[in-house]
PDB file of N, CA and C in Angstrom:
ATOM      1  N   MET A   1      -0.406  28.292  -0.315  1.00  0.00           N
ATOM      2  CA  MET A   1      -0.415  26.926  -0.533  1.00  0.00           C
ATOM      3  C   MET A   1      -1.216  26.895  -1.868  1.00  0.00           C
ATOM      4  N   ALA A   2      -2.179  26.849  -2.181  1.00  0.00           N
ATOM      5  CA  ALA A   2      -3.312  26.941  -3.317  1.00  0.00           C
ATOM      6  C   ALA A   2      -2.886  28.205  -4.413  1.00  0.00           C
ATOM      7  N   GLU A   3      -2.625  29.517  -3.942  1.00  0.00           N
ATOM      8  CA  GLU A   3      -2.011  30.156  -5.057  1.00  0.00           C
ATOM      9  C   GLU A   3      -0.963  29.254  -6.192  1.00  0.00           C
ATOM     10  N   ASP A   4      -0.237  28.690  -5.359  1.00  0.00           N
ATOM     11  CA  ASP A   4       0.945  27.594  -5.936  1.00  0.00           C
ATOM     12  C   ASP A   4       0.418  26.502  -6.523  1.00  0.00           C
ATOM     13  N   ILE A   5      -0.605  26.122  -6.032  1.00  0.00           N
ATOM     14  CA  ILE A   5      -0.939  24.490  -7.037  1.00  0.00           C
ATOM     15  C   ILE A   5      -1.947  25.034  -8.353  1.00  0.00           C
ATOM     16  N   ARG A   6      -2.596  26.246  -7.892  1.00  0.00           N
ATOM     17  CA  ARG A   6      -3.290  26.760  -9.136  1.00  0.00           C
ATOM     18  C   ARG A   6      -2.272  27.286 -10.095  1.00  0.00           C
ATOM     19  N   ALA A   7      -0.995  28.108  -9.860  1.00  0.00           N
ATOM     20  CA  ALA A   7      -0.241  28.486 -10.601  1.00  0.00           C
ATOM     21  C   ALA A   7       0.317  27.412 -11.443  1.00  0.00           C
ATOM     22  N   ARG A   8       0.699  26.073 -10.837  1.00  0.00           N
ATOM     23  CA  ARG A   8       1.044  25.002 -11.425  1.00  0.00           C
ATOM     24  C   ARG A   8       0.062  24.280 -12.380  1.00  0.00           C
ATOM     25  N   LEU A   9      -1.045  24.255 -12.048  1.00  0.00           N
ATOM     26  CA  LEU A   9      -2.200  23.860 -12.939  1.00  0.00           C
ATOM     27  C   LEU A   9      -2.431  24.482 -13.975  1.00  0.00           C
ATOM     28  N   GLU A  10      -2.163  25.886 -14.278  1.00  0.00           N
ATOM     29  CA  GLU A  10      -2.039  26.790 -15.340  1.00  0.00           C
ATOM     30  C   GLU A  10      -0.868  26.579 -16.368  1.00  0.00           C
ATOM     31  N   ARG A  11       0.281  25.968 -15.706  1.00  0.00           N
ATOM     32  CA  ARG A  11       1.471  25.664 -16.583  1.00  0.00           C
ATOM     33  C   ARG A  11       1.390  24.373 -16.915  1.00  0.00           C
ATOM     34  N   TYR A  12       0.493  23.462 -16.178  1.00  0.00           N
ATOM     35  CA  TYR A  12       0.382  22.343 -16.847  1.00  0.00           C
ATOM     36  C   TYR A  12       0.172  21.555 -18.417  1.00  0.00           C
ATOM     37  N   ARG A  13       1.156  20.867 -18.798  1.00  0.00           N
ATOM     38  CA  ARG A  13       0.718  20.774 -20.263  1.00  0.00           C
ATOM     39  C   ARG A  13       1.039  19.160 -20.523  1.00  0.00           C
ATOM     40  N   THR A  14       1.376  18.336 -19.905  1.00  0.00           N
ATOM     41  CA  THR A  14       1.824  16.848 -19.803  1.00  0.00           C
ATOM     42  C   THR A  14       2.219  16.416 -18.485  1.00  0.00           C
ATOM     43  N   ALA A  15       2.026  15.145 -17.889  1.00  0.00           N
ATOM     44  CA  ALA A  15       2.534  14.414 -16.746  1.00  0.00           C
ATOM     45  C   ALA A  15       3.714  14.797 -16.667  1.00  0.00           C
ATOM     46  N   PRO A  16       4.294  15.103 -15.279  1.00  0.00           N
ATOM     47  CA  PRO A  16       6.019  15.496 -14.890  1.00  0.00           C
ATOM     48  C   PRO A  16       6.921  14.485 -14.803  1.00  0.00           C
ATOM     49  N   PHE A  17       7.899  14.031 -15.051  1.00  0.00           N
ATOM     50  CA  PHE A  17       8.355  12.935 -14.363  1.00  0.00           C
ATOM     51  C   PHE A  17       8.501  13.039 -12.935  1.00  0.00           C
ATOM     52  N   ASP A  18       8.218  11.731 -12.656  1.00  0.00           N
ATOM     53  CA  ASP A  18       8.039  10.798 -11.490  1.00  0.00           C
ATOM     54  C   ASP A  18       8.762   9.925 -10.606  1.00  0.00           C
ATOM     55  N   SER A  19       9.988  10.471 -10.043  1.00  0.00           N
ATOM     56  CA  SER A  19      10.949   9.461  -9.763  1.00  0.00           C
ATOM     57  C   SER A  19      10.739   8.056  -9.051  1.00  0.00           C
ATOM     58  N   ARG A  20       9.159   8.021  -8.602  1.00  0.00           N
ATOM     59  CA  ARG A  20       8.814   6.707  -8.078  1.00  0.00           C
ATOM     60  C   ARG A  20       8.261   5.527  -9.513  1.00  0.00           C
ATOM     61  N   PHE A  21       8.292   6.528 -10.663  1.00  0.00           N
ATOM     62  CA  PHE A  21       8.093   5.260 -11.767  1.00  0.00           C
ATOM     63  C   PHE A  21       9.048   6.065 -12.741  1.00  0.00           C
ATOM     64  N   PRO A  22      10.324   5.364 -12.706  1.00  0.00           N
ATOM     65  CA  PRO A  22      11.250   5.892 -13.565  1.00  0.00           C
ATOM     66  C   PRO A  22      11.368   5.017 -15.030  1.00  0.00           C
ATOM     67  N   ASN A  23      10.592   3.867 -14.799  1.00  0.00           N
ATOM     68  CA  ASN A  23      10.928   3.010 -16.593  1.00  0.00           C
ATOM     69  C   ASN A  23       9.982   3.916 -17.541  1.00  0.00           C
ATOM     70  N   GLN A  24       9.990   3.351 -18.656  1.00  0.00           N
ATOM     71  CA  GLN A  24       9.290   3.561 -19.455  1.00  0.00           C
ATOM     72  C   GLN A  24       7.705   3.344 -19.836  1.00  0.00           C
ATOM     73  N   ASN A  25       7.413   2.039 -19.442  1.00  0.00           N
ATOM     74  CA  ASN A  25       5.975   1.721 -18.823  1.00  0.00           C
ATOM     75  C   ASN A  25       5.351   2.357 -17.619  1.00  0.00           C
ATOM     76  N   GLN A  26       4.382   2.951 -18.129  1.00  0.00           N
ATOM     77  CA  GLN A  26       3.674   4.144 -17.037  1.00  0.00           C
ATOM     78  C   GLN A  26       2.596   3.575 -16.237  1.00  0.00           C
ATOM     79  N   THR A  27       2.021   2.344 -16.750  1.00  0.00           N
ATOM     80  CA  THR A  27       1.054   1.936 -16.292  1.00  0.00           C
ATOM     81  C   THR A  27       0.693   2.273 -14.554  1.00  0.00           C
ATOM     82  N   LYS A  28       1.818   1.929 -13.784  1.00  0.00           N
ATOM     83  CA  LYS A  28       1.744   2.250 -12.494  1.00  0.00           C
ATOM     84  C   LYS A  28       1.384   3.548 -12.191  1.00  0.00           C
ATOM     85  N   ASN A  29       2.243   4.457 -12.706  1.00  0.00           N
ATOM     86  CA  ASN A  29       1.948   5.733 -12.513  1.00  0.00           C
ATOM     87  C   ASN A  29       0.519   6.031 -12.805  1.00  0.00           C
ATOM     88  N   CYS A  30      -0.338   5.720 -13.924  1.00  0.00           N
ATOM     89  CA  CYS A  30      -1.389   5.536 -14.308  1.00  0.00           C
ATOM     90  C   CYS A  30      -2.411   5.620 -13.049  1.00  0.00           C
ATOM     91  N   TRP A  31      -1.957   4.621 -12.468  1.00  0.00           N
ATOM     92  CA  TRP A  31      -3.142   3.674 -11.370  1.00  0.00           C
ATOM     93  C   TRP A  31      -2.423   4.625 -10.307  1.00  0.00           C
ATOM     94  N   GLN A  32      -1.676   4.625  -9.920  1.00  0.00           N
ATOM     95  CA  GLN A  32      -1.602   5.276  -8.546  1.00  0.00           C
ATOM     96  C   GLN A  32      -2.157   6.569  -8.741  1.00  0.00           C
ATOM     97  N   ASN A  33      -2.229   7.702  -9.833  1.00  0.00           N
ATOM     98  CA  ASN A  33      -2.491   8.737  -9.915  1.00  0.00           C
ATOM     99  C   ASN A  33      -4.286   8.983  -9.839  1.00  0.00           C
ATOM    100  N   TYR A  34      -4.708   7.915 -10.362  1.00  0.00           N
ATOM    101  CA  TYR A  34      -5.959   7.652 -10.549  1.00  0.00           C
ATOM    102  C   TYR A  34      -6.584   7.385  -9.424  1.00  0.00           C
ATOM    103  N   LEU A  35      -5.926   6.399  -8.227  1.00  0.00           N
ATOM    104  CA  LEU A  35      -6.468   6.716  -6.773  1.00  0.00           C
ATOM    105  C   LEU A  35      -5.890   7.654  -6.274  1.00  0.00           C
ATOM    106  N   ASP A  36      -4.755   8.454  -6.143  1.00  0.00           N
ATOM    107  CA  ASP A  36      -4.506   9.536  -5.497  1.00  0.00           C
ATOM    108  C   ASP A  36      -5.714  10.659  -5.786  1.00  0.00           C
ATOM    109  N   PHE A  37      -6.130  10.790  -7.195  1.00  0.00           N
ATOM    110  CA  PHE A  37      -7.144  11.485  -7.218  1.00  0.00           C
ATOM    111  C   PHE A  37      -8.681  11.208  -6.469  1.00  0.00           C
ATOM    112  N   HIS A  38      -8.868  10.171  -6.250  1.00  0.00           N
ATOM    113  CA  HIS A  38     -10.273   9.641  -5.539  1.00  0.00           C
ATOM    114  C   HIS A  38      -9.846   9.808  -4.235  1.00  0.00           C
ATOM    115  N   ARG A  39      -8.916   9.407  -3.475  1.00  0.00           N
ATOM    116  CA  ARG A  39      -8.383   9.623  -2.064  1.00  0.00           C
ATOM    117  C   ARG A  39      -8.759  11.020  -1.926  1.00  0.00           C
ATOM    118  N   CYS A  40      -7.857  12.021  -2.414  1.00  0.00           N
ATOM    119  CA  CYS A  40      -7.902  13.303  -2.208  1.00  0.00           C
ATOM    120  C   CYS A  40      -9.218  13.541  -2.652  1.00  0.00           C
ATOM    121  N   GLN A  41     -10.250  13.434  -3.407  1.00  0.00           N
ATOM    122  CA  GLN A  41     -11.601  13.722  -3.296  1.00  0.00           C
ATOM    123  C   GLN A  41     -12.685  13.688  -2.224  1.00  0.00           C
ATOM    124  N   LYS A  42     -12.021  12.200  -1.772  1.00  0.00           N
ATOM    125  CA  LYS A  42     -12.789  11.797  -0.821  1.00  0.00           C
ATOM    126  C   LYS A  42     -12.198  12.654   0.687  1.00  0.00           C
ATOM    127  N   ALA A  43     -10.983  12.495   1.030  1.00  0.00           N
ATOM    128  CA  ALA A  43     -10.624  13.348   2.197  1.00  0.00           C
ATOM    129  C   ALA A  43     -10.988  14.866   2.239  1.00  0.00           C
ATOM    130  N   MET A  44     -11.055  15.551   1.039  1.00  0.00           N
ATOM    131  CA  MET A  44     -11.299  17.211   0.726  1.00  0.00           C
ATOM    132  C   MET A  44     -12.783  16.957   1.016  1.00  0.00           C
ATOM    133  N   ALA A  45     -13.633  16.141   0.772  1.00  0.00           N
ATOM    134  CA  ALA A  45     -14.578  16.040   0.986  1.00  0.00           C
ATOM    135  C   ALA A  45     -15.166  15.957   2.430  1.00  0.00           C
ATOM    136  N   ALA A  46     -14.494  15.369   3.266  1.00  0.00           N
ATOM    137  CA  ALA A  46     -14.784  14.881   4.799  1.00  0.00           C
ATOM    138  C   ALA A  46     -14.174  15.948   5.568  1.00  0.00           C
ATOM    139  N   LYS A  47     -13.160  16.999   5.133  1.00  0.00           N
ATOM    140  CA  LYS A  47     -12.815  18.158   5.475  1.00  0.00           C
ATOM    141  C   LYS A  47     -13.518  19.036   5.057  1.00  0.00           C
ATOM    142  N   GLY A  48     -14.568  19.058   4.053  1.00  0.00           N
ATOM    143  CA  GLY A  48     -15.160  20.265   3.784  1.00  0.00           C
ATOM    144  C   GLY A  48     -14.338  21.134   3.348  1.00  0.00           C
ATOM    145  N   ALA A  49     -13.023  20.819   2.762  1.00  0.00           N
ATOM    146  CA  ALA A  49     -11.904  21.844   1.980  1.00  0.00           C
ATOM    147  C   ALA A  49     -12.377  22.079   0.236  1.00  0.00           C
ATOM    148  N   ASP A  50     -11.872  22.747   0.001  1.00  0.00           N
ATOM    149  CA  ASP A  50     -11.883  22.993  -1.727  1.00  0.00           C
ATOM    150  C   ASP A  50     -11.256  21.820  -2.307  1.00  0.00           C
ATOM    151  N   PRO A  51     -11.648  21.369  -3.135  1.00  0.00           N
ATOM    152  CA  PRO A  51     -11.016  20.138  -3.758  1.00  0.00           C
ATOM    153  C   PRO A  51      -9.687  20.692  -4.730  1.00  0.00           C
ATOM    154  N   ALA A  52      -9.935  21.991  -4.971  1.00  0.00           N
ATOM    155  CA  ALA A  52      -8.750  21.947  -6.299  1.00  0.00           C
ATOM    156  C   ALA A  52      -7.353  21.201  -6.579  1.00  0.00           C
ATOM    157  N   PRO A  53      -6.626  21.072  -5.015  1.00  0.00           N
ATOM    158  CA  PRO A  53      -5.409  20.616  -5.061  1.00  0.00           C
ATOM    159  C   PRO A  53      -5.673  19.043  -6.008  1.00  0.00           C
ATOM    160  N   CYS A  54      -6.977  18.601  -5.808  1.00  0.00           N
ATOM    161  CA  CYS A  54      -7.422  17.152  -6.316  1.00  0.00           C
ATOM    162  C   CYS A  54      -7.088  17.056  -7.873  1.00  0.00           C
ATOM    163  N   GLN A  55      -7.115  18.317  -8.435  1.00  0.00           N
ATOM    164  CA  GLN A  55      -7.057  18.516 -10.100  1.00  0.00           C
ATOM    165  C   GLN A  55      -6.041  17.896 -10.636  1.00  0.00           C
ATOM    166  N   TRP A  56      -4.845  18.504  -9.843  1.00  0.00           N
ATOM    167  CA  TRP A  56      -3.094  17.801 -10.295  1.00  0.00           C
ATOM    168  C   TRP A  56      -3.207  16.268 -10.456  1.00  0.00           C
ATOM    169  N   TYR A  57      -3.740  15.383  -9.629  1.00  0.00           N
ATOM    170  CA  TYR A  57      -3.735  14.101  -9.856  1.00  0.00           C
ATOM    171  C   TYR A  57      -4.824  13.440 -11.431  1.00  0.00           C
ATOM    172  N   PHE A  58      -6.014  14.707 -11.195  1.00  0.00           N
ATOM    173  CA  PHE A  58      -6.996  14.240 -12.174  1.00  0.00           C
ATOM    174  C   PHE A  58      -5.927  14.451 -13.772  1.00  0.00           C
ATOM    175  N   ARG A  59      -5.462  15.698 -13.795  1.00  0.00           N
ATOM    176  CA  ARG A  59      -4.643  15.916 -15.039  1.00  0.00           C
ATOM    177  C   ARG A  59      -3.962  14.935 -15.474  1.00  0.00           C
ATOM    178  N   VAL A  60      -3.376  14.521 -14.275  1.00  0.00           N
ATOM    179  CA  VAL A  60      -1.878  13.485 -14.427  1.00  0.00           C
ATOM    180  C   VAL A  60      -2.357  12.244 -15.118  1.00  0.00           C
ATOM    181  N   TYR A  61      -3.364  12.128 -14.250  1.00  0.00           N
ATOM    182  CA  TYR A  61      -3.861  10.516 -14.804  1.00  0.00           C
ATOM    183  C   TYR A  61      -4.746  10.439 -16.005  1.00  0.00           C
ATOM    184  N   ARG A  62      -5.057  11.461 -16.506  1.00  0.00           N
ATOM    185  CA  ARG A  62      -5.996  11.926 -17.779  1.00  0.00           C
ATOM    186  C   ARG A  62      -4.723  11.989 -18.671  1.00  0.00           C
ATOM    187  N   SER A  63      -3.723  12.390 -18.286  1.00  0.00           N
ATOM    188  CA  SER A  63      -2.814  12.584 -19.444  1.00  0.00           C
ATOM    189  C   SER A  63      -1.820  10.971 -20.125  1.00  0.00           C
ATOM    190  N   LEU A  64      -2.190  10.141 -18.652  1.00  0.00           N
ATOM    191  CA  LEU A  64      -1.405   9.305 -18.698  1.00  0.00           C
ATOM    192  C   LEU A  64      -1.970   7.558 -18.846  1.00  0.00           C
ATOM    193  N   CYS A  65      -3.323   7.746 -18.748  1.00  0.00           N
ATOM    194  CA  CYS A  65      -4.073   6.712 -18.642  1.00  0.00           C
ATOM    195  C   CYS A  65      -5.156   6.682 -19.993  1.00  0.00           C
ATOM    196  N   PRO A  66      -5.004   5.457 -20.477  1.00  0.00           N
ATOM    197  CA  PRO A  66      -6.368   5.153 -21.956  1.00  0.00           C
ATOM    198  C   PRO A  66      -7.803   5.208 -20.878  1.00  0.00           C
ATOM    199  N   THR A  67      -7.995   6.078 -22.033  1.00  0.00           N
ATOM    200  CA  THR A  67      -9.725   6.554 -21.496  1.00  0.00           C
ATOM    201  C   THR A  67     -10.551   5.361 -21.418  1.00  0.00           C
ATOM    202  N   SER A  68     -10.169   3.959 -22.410  1.00  0.00           N
ATOM    203  CA  SER A  68     -10.972   2.860 -21.352  1.00  0.00           C
ATOM    204  C   SER A  68     -10.850   2.024 -20.830  1.00  0.00           C
ATOM    205  N   TRP A  69      -9.358   1.956 -20.050  1.00  0.00           N
ATOM    206  CA  TRP A  69      -9.265   1.991 -18.759  1.00  0.00           C
ATOM    207  C   TRP A  69     -10.259   2.578 -17.644  1.00  0.00           C
ATOM    208  N   VAL A  70     -10.172   4.036 -17.795  1.00  0.00           N
ATOM    209  CA  VAL A  70     -10.342   4.999 -16.758  1.00  0.00           C
ATOM    210  C   VAL A  70     -12.308   4.628 -16.777  1.00  0.00           C
ATOM    211  N   THR A  71     -12.868   4.235 -17.752  1.00  0.00           N
ATOM    212  CA  THR A  71     -14.053   4.111 -18.328  1.00  0.00           C
ATOM    213  C   THR A  71     -14.191   2.764 -17.369  1.00  0.00           C
ATOM    214  N   THR A  72     -13.641   2.046 -17.558  1.00  0.00           N
ATOM    215  CA  THR A  72     -13.789   0.552 -16.854  1.00  0.00           C
ATOM    216  C   THR A  72     -13.843   0.866 -15.135  1.00  0.00           C
ATOM    217  N   TRP A  73     -12.846   1.559 -15.072  1.00  0.00           N
ATOM    218  CA  TRP A  73     -12.654   1.859 -13.471  1.00  0.00           C
ATOM    219  C   TRP A  73     -13.652   2.820 -12.656  1.00  0.00           C
ATOM    220  N   ASP A  74     -14.329   3.526 -13.638  1.00  0.00           N
ATOM    221  CA  ASP A  74     -15.366   4.134 -13.185  1.00  0.00           C
ATOM    222  C   ASP A  74     -16.456   3.420 -13.022  1.00  0.00           C
ATOM    223  N   GLU A  75     -16.962   2.726 -14.053  1.00  0.00           N
ATOM    224  CA  GLU A  75     -17.789   2.171 -13.545  1.00  0.00           C
ATOM    225  C   GLU A  75     -17.470   0.581 -12.944  1.00  0.00           C
ATOM    226  N   ALA A  76     -16.553   0.181 -12.385  1.00  0.00           N
ATOM    227  CA  ALA A  76     -16.708  -0.545 -11.108  1.00  0.00           C
ATOM    228  C   ALA A  76     -16.505  -0.085  -9.822  1.00  0.00           C
ATOM    229  N   ARG A  77     -15.785   1.189  -9.753  1.00  0.00           N
ATOM    230  CA  ARG A  77     -16.531   1.973  -8.731  1.00  0.00           C
ATOM    231  C   ARG A  77     -17.766   2.260  -8.412  1.00  0.00           C
ATOM    232  N   GLU A  78     -18.367   2.622  -9.159  1.00  0.00           N
ATOM    233  CA  GLU A  78     -20.022   2.803  -8.945  1.00  0.00           C
ATOM    234  C   GLU A  78     -20.944   1.082  -8.866  1.00  0.00           C
ATOM    235  N   ALA A  79     -20.001   0.134  -9.216  1.00  0.00           N
ATOM    236  CA  ALA A  79     -20.902  -0.976  -8.852  1.00  0.00           C
ATOM    237  C   ALA A  79     -20.548  -1.907  -7.686  1.00  0.00           C
ATOM    238  N   GLY A  80     -19.119  -1.165  -7.350  1.00  0.00           N
ATOM    239  CA  GLY A  80     -18.592  -1.365  -5.828  1.00  0.00           C
ATOM    240  C   GLY A  80     -17.706  -2.661  -5.826  1.00  0.00           C
ATOM    241  N   THR A  81     -17.155  -2.491  -7.053  1.00  0.00           N
ATOM    242  CA  THR A  81     -16.346  -4.080  -7.410  1.00  0.00           C
ATOM    243  C   THR A  81     -14.987  -3.364  -7.775  1.00  0.00           C
ATOM    244  N   PHE A  82     -14.366  -1.957  -7.687  1.00  0.00           N
ATOM    245  CA  PHE A  82     -13.324  -1.409  -7.614  1.00  0.00           C
ATOM    246  C   PHE A  82     -12.266  -2.244  -6.725  1.00  0.00           C
ATOM    247  N   PRO A  83     -11.247  -2.754  -7.524  1.00  0.00           N
ATOM    248  CA  PRO A  83     -10.392  -3.573  -6.657  1.00  0.00           C
ATOM    249  C   PRO A  83      -9.351  -2.768  -5.773  1.00  0.00           C
ATOM    250  N   GLY A  84      -9.094  -1.397  -5.964  1.00  0.00           N
ATOM    251  CA  GLY A  84      -8.170  -0.209  -5.562  1.00  0.00           C
ATOM    252  C   GLY A  84      -9.096   0.100  -3.949  1.00  0.00           C
ATOM    253  N   LYS A  85      -8.124   0.305  -3.232  1.00  0.00           N
ATOM    254  CA  LYS A  85      -7.997   1.101  -2.144  1.00  0.00           C
ATOM    255  C   LYS A  85      -8.612   2.408  -1.924  1.00  0.00           C
ATOM    256  N   ILE A  86      -9.664   3.135  -2.134  1.00  0.00           N
ATOM    257  CA  ILE A  86      -9.984   4.429  -2.471  1.00  0.00           C
ATOM    258  C   ILE A  86     -10.341   4.936  -0.731  1.00  0.00           C
TER     259      ILE A  86
END
């Protein structure tokens, strides 16, 4: 399975279509992939597993989200005031 994920990451160009977010506005898609990335990182660290599969979420949210949003969210996580559940 890890080889499949690595192959998909190598072919990655931009965020693929996600049927959960069919509309033109991709704000929720950005938010969900940001949360999924940090949840994945946390889960992999707890298991002591390789966090490579989490890179998929990272690339998707970096493709969709404005940098200013990501910076604000990262600062809020560090300050302990982040509104999302990770």
